[in-house]
Protein backbone atom coordinates (compact mmCIF):
# COMPACT_ATOMS: atom_id res chain seq x y z
CA UNK A 1 -5.12 41.14 148.11
CA UNK A 2 -4.76 40.35 151.77
CA UNK A 3 -4.73 43.38 154.02
CA UNK A 4 -1.86 41.95 156.06
CA UNK A 5 0.38 42.03 152.96
CA UNK A 6 -0.30 45.74 152.61
CA UNK A 7 -0.42 46.78 156.25
CA UNK A 8 2.95 45.46 157.44
CA UNK A 9 5.07 47.48 154.96
CA UNK A 10 2.89 50.51 155.68
CA UNK A 11 3.65 50.10 159.36
CA UNK A 12 7.35 50.27 158.52
CA UNK A 13 6.74 53.58 156.73
CA UNK A 14 4.77 54.83 159.76
CA UNK A 15 7.59 53.83 162.13
CA UNK A 16 10.11 55.73 160.04
CA UNK A 17 7.92 58.86 159.98
CA UNK A 18 7.47 58.63 163.77
CA UNK A 19 11.20 58.18 164.38
CA UNK A 20 12.24 61.05 162.13
CA UNK A 21 9.59 63.39 163.57
CA UNK A 22 10.63 62.64 167.13
CA UNK A 23 14.27 63.33 166.24
CA UNK A 24 13.33 66.65 164.64
CA UNK A 25 11.07 67.75 167.51
CA UNK A 26 12.65 70.19 169.96
CA UNK A 27 14.53 68.74 172.94
CA UNK A 28 13.85 71.48 175.45
CA UNK A 29 10.09 71.02 175.57
CA UNK A 30 9.72 68.46 178.30
CA UNK A 31 8.28 65.22 177.11
CA UNK A 32 7.33 66.04 173.49
CA UNK A 33 9.83 63.64 171.90
CA UNK A 34 8.94 60.74 174.19
CA UNK A 35 5.22 61.36 173.85
CA UNK A 36 5.48 61.48 170.06
CA UNK A 37 7.18 58.08 170.05
CA UNK A 38 4.79 56.54 172.58
CA UNK A 39 1.54 57.87 171.13
CA UNK A 40 2.30 57.42 167.43
CA UNK A 41 2.26 53.65 167.23
CA UNK A 42 2.07 52.15 163.73
CA UNK A 43 -1.34 50.65 164.55
CA UNK A 44 -2.69 54.09 165.44
CA UNK A 45 -1.04 55.84 162.50
CA UNK A 46 -2.04 53.50 159.64
CA UNK A 47 -5.67 53.50 158.55
CA UNK A 48 -6.95 51.37 155.67
CA UNK A 49 -10.28 52.04 154.03
CA UNK A 50 -12.64 49.48 152.51
CA UNK A 51 -11.68 50.39 148.95
CA UNK A 52 -8.01 49.53 149.49
CA UNK A 53 -6.74 53.04 150.15
CA UNK A 54 -4.41 53.83 153.02
CA UNK A 55 -3.62 56.84 155.12
CA UNK A 56 -0.73 57.45 157.51
CA UNK A 57 -1.32 60.12 160.16
CA UNK A 58 1.29 61.55 162.52
CA UNK A 59 -0.23 63.12 165.62
CA UNK A 60 2.15 66.05 166.19
CA UNK A 61 0.27 67.30 169.27
CA UNK A 62 -0.64 64.09 171.10
CA UNK A 63 -2.34 63.99 174.50
CA UNK A 64 0.04 65.05 177.31
CA UNK A 65 2.03 67.09 174.76
CA UNK A 66 -0.55 69.27 173.02
CA UNK A 67 1.98 72.10 172.92
CA UNK A 68 3.51 70.22 169.98
CA UNK A 69 1.13 72.22 167.77
CA UNK A 70 3.01 75.40 168.66
CA UNK A 71 6.25 73.88 167.43
CA UNK A 72 4.85 72.32 164.30
CA UNK A 73 2.44 74.99 163.07
CA UNK A 74 2.29 77.86 165.53
CA UNK A 75 -1.03 79.64 165.79
CA UNK A 76 -1.01 83.39 165.41
CA UNK A 77 2.34 83.20 163.66
CA UNK A 78 3.85 86.55 162.88
CA UNK A 79 7.28 86.48 161.25
CA UNK A 80 8.38 89.67 162.99
CA UNK A 81 6.77 89.94 166.42
CA UNK A 82 5.86 87.94 169.46
CA UNK A 83 7.17 84.91 171.29
CA UNK A 84 6.72 82.61 168.32
CA UNK A 85 8.93 84.79 166.12
CA UNK A 86 11.63 84.86 168.81
CA UNK A 87 11.56 81.09 169.27
CA UNK A 88 11.46 80.52 165.51
CA UNK A 89 14.63 82.59 165.12
CA UNK A 90 16.42 80.68 167.90
CA UNK A 91 15.34 77.16 166.89
CA UNK A 92 14.45 77.19 163.18
CA UNK A 93 15.34 73.51 162.74
CA UNK A 94 12.63 72.44 165.19
CA UNK A 95 9.64 74.16 163.60
CA UNK A 96 7.44 72.22 161.17
CA UNK A 97 8.95 68.93 162.31
CA UNK A 98 6.01 66.84 161.07
CA UNK A 99 6.25 68.22 157.53
CA UNK A 100 10.02 67.79 157.55
CA UNK A 101 9.60 64.18 158.66
CA UNK A 102 7.29 63.40 155.73
CA UNK A 103 9.81 64.99 153.34
CA UNK A 104 12.85 63.22 154.83
CA UNK A 105 14.83 61.07 152.35
CA UNK A 106 14.65 57.98 154.59
CA UNK A 107 10.84 58.23 154.68
CA UNK A 108 10.71 58.74 150.92
CA UNK A 109 12.84 55.60 150.49
CA UNK A 110 10.49 53.55 152.70
CA UNK A 111 7.52 54.78 150.67
CA UNK A 112 9.33 53.91 147.44
CA UNK A 113 10.16 50.43 148.77
CA UNK A 114 6.52 49.99 149.79
CA UNK A 115 5.17 50.95 146.36
CA UNK A 116 7.62 48.60 144.62
CA UNK A 117 6.62 45.72 146.89
CA UNK A 118 2.95 46.53 146.36
CA UNK A 119 3.43 46.57 142.58
CA UNK A 120 5.15 43.18 142.68
CA UNK A 121 2.39 41.75 144.84
CA UNK A 122 -0.31 42.96 142.45
CA UNK A 123 1.60 41.57 139.46
CA UNK A 124 1.91 38.16 141.16
CA UNK A 125 -1.80 38.07 141.95
CA UNK A 126 -2.67 38.96 138.36
CA UNK A 127 -0.34 36.23 137.03
CA UNK A 128 -1.98 33.66 139.30
CA UNK A 129 -5.45 34.78 138.24
CA UNK A 130 -4.55 34.46 134.54
CA UNK A 131 -3.02 31.00 135.08
CA UNK A 132 -6.16 29.75 136.79
CA UNK A 133 -8.31 30.69 133.79
């Protein structure tokens, strides 16, 4: 199967993950949302291995916005004390934005569409291979 047939729909999934994550990221953090969109290009996010596997990676703490890690998975998290606990109480919808993006229904739909298209492509290739024999 041609890699281009697989990679383009995967890039659409990556774009959707990037868009949802940037919407879920906090607004009052300077340039986190813009940096997420700029750094997480589909070409950077989608990696294909030689065996045909694929991986989509969202960089939630990209260069120039490394503080994104404190909003996605804060280090030294204590549910009751400290700055992180205070911020988490004030802005609960903004924490864990990368995980929430992967679980978003629109992302799930793109993944479902991708797997259906991939299944059809494989079935077509198998039909052609059987016809040739």
